[in-house]
Protein backbone atom coordinates (compact mmCIF):
# COMPACT_ATOMS: atom_id res chain seq x y z
CA MET A 1 1.03 -18.26 -10.94
CA THR A 2 1.99 -21.08 -8.62
CA ALA A 3 -0.28 -23.97 -7.72
CA ASP A 4 -0.82 -22.39 -4.29
CA GLN A 5 -1.80 -19.07 -5.87
CA ALA A 6 -4.14 -20.85 -8.30
CA GLY A 7 -5.81 -22.59 -5.36
CA ILE A 8 -6.19 -19.31 -3.48
CA TYR A 9 -7.72 -17.55 -6.50
CA SER A 10 -10.02 -20.51 -7.15
CA ALA A 11 -11.29 -20.36 -3.55
CA LEU A 12 -11.60 -16.56 -3.69
CA THR A 13 -13.61 -16.82 -6.91
CA GLU A 14 -16.04 -19.16 -5.14
CA ILE A 15 -16.29 -16.77 -2.17
CA PHE A 16 -16.89 -13.72 -4.36
CA ARG A 17 -19.50 -15.54 -6.45
CA GLU A 18 -21.33 -16.55 -3.28
CA VAL A 19 -21.13 -13.13 -1.62
CA PHE A 20 -22.26 -11.26 -4.74
CA MET A 21 -24.68 -14.01 -5.86
CA ASN A 22 -23.14 -13.97 -9.35
CA ASP A 23 -22.08 -17.34 -10.76
CA ASP A 24 -20.29 -15.66 -13.68
CA MET A 25 -18.14 -13.30 -11.58
CA GLN A 26 -14.46 -13.34 -12.48
CA ILE A 27 -11.81 -11.96 -10.16
CA SER A 28 -8.28 -10.81 -10.88
CA PRO A 29 -5.38 -9.58 -8.75
CA THR A 30 -6.18 -5.96 -9.68
CA LEU A 31 -9.91 -6.12 -8.83
CA THR A 32 -11.01 -3.51 -6.28
CA ALA A 33 -14.26 -2.63 -4.54
CA LYS A 34 -14.70 0.26 -6.99
CA ASP A 35 -14.86 -2.28 -9.83
CA VAL A 36 -17.80 -4.23 -8.39
CA PRO A 37 -21.29 -2.73 -8.10
CA GLY A 38 -22.67 -3.34 -4.63
CA TRP A 39 -19.30 -3.95 -2.94
CA ASP A 40 -19.93 -1.97 0.21
CA SER A 41 -18.72 -2.28 3.80
CA PHE A 42 -21.21 -5.07 4.54
CA LYS A 43 -20.00 -7.10 1.56
CA GLN A 44 -16.41 -6.43 2.67
CA ILE A 45 -17.16 -7.94 6.09
CA GLU A 46 -18.88 -10.91 4.46
CA ILE A 47 -15.84 -11.49 2.23
CA MET A 48 -13.38 -11.29 5.13
CA VAL A 49 -15.42 -13.65 7.34
CA SER A 50 -15.73 -16.12 4.45
CA VAL A 51 -11.98 -15.92 3.80
CA GLU A 52 -11.19 -16.55 7.47
CA GLU A 53 -13.50 -19.55 7.55
CA ARG A 54 -12.36 -21.01 4.23
CA PHE A 55 -8.63 -20.69 4.89
CA GLY A 56 -8.68 -21.18 8.67
CA ILE A 57 -6.93 -17.87 9.32
CA LYS A 58 -7.59 -14.69 11.27
CA LEU A 59 -7.18 -11.29 9.63
CA ASN A 60 -6.41 -8.32 11.83
CA THR A 61 -7.61 -4.78 11.21
CA ARG A 62 -4.18 -3.59 10.02
CA GLU A 63 -4.04 -6.35 7.40
CA ILE A 64 -7.57 -5.66 6.19
CA ASP A 65 -6.96 -1.90 6.03
CA SER A 66 -3.78 -2.43 3.99
CA MET A 67 -5.60 -4.39 1.27
CA LYS A 68 -6.28 -2.31 -1.82
CA CYS A 69 -7.13 -5.11 -4.26
CA VAL A 70 -7.81 -8.84 -4.50
CA GLY A 71 -4.10 -9.42 -5.14
CA ASP A 72 -3.30 -7.94 -1.72
CA LEU A 73 -5.85 -10.26 -0.11
CA ALA A 74 -4.34 -13.28 -1.89
CA ALA A 75 -0.84 -12.27 -0.73
CA VAL A 76 -1.96 -12.07 2.91
CA ILE A 77 -3.67 -15.46 2.62
CA ALA A 78 -0.53 -17.00 1.08
CA ALA A 79 1.71 -15.51 3.79
CA LYS A 80 -0.54 -16.79 6.58
CA ALA A 81 -0.83 -20.22 4.98
CA ALA A 82 2.97 -20.46 4.75
CA ALA A 83 3.46 -19.41 8.39
């Protein structure tokens, strides 16, 4: 994992802990909505808005729909940050 990836996952961990109100929550690249109790469409929106605000990016519907796991989200963030 590169320093950039570590920073992205650190920020995502903070976002997920805030959204799910769970200070012990751990995320991984393979984590999906099915793995987290209470991860519904409202939580998904909250996560995406928080990601956009935190990283200063905009996610389009196609990008969001293509994400199957946290690793996909991190990859999109990294690509947008590098652009």
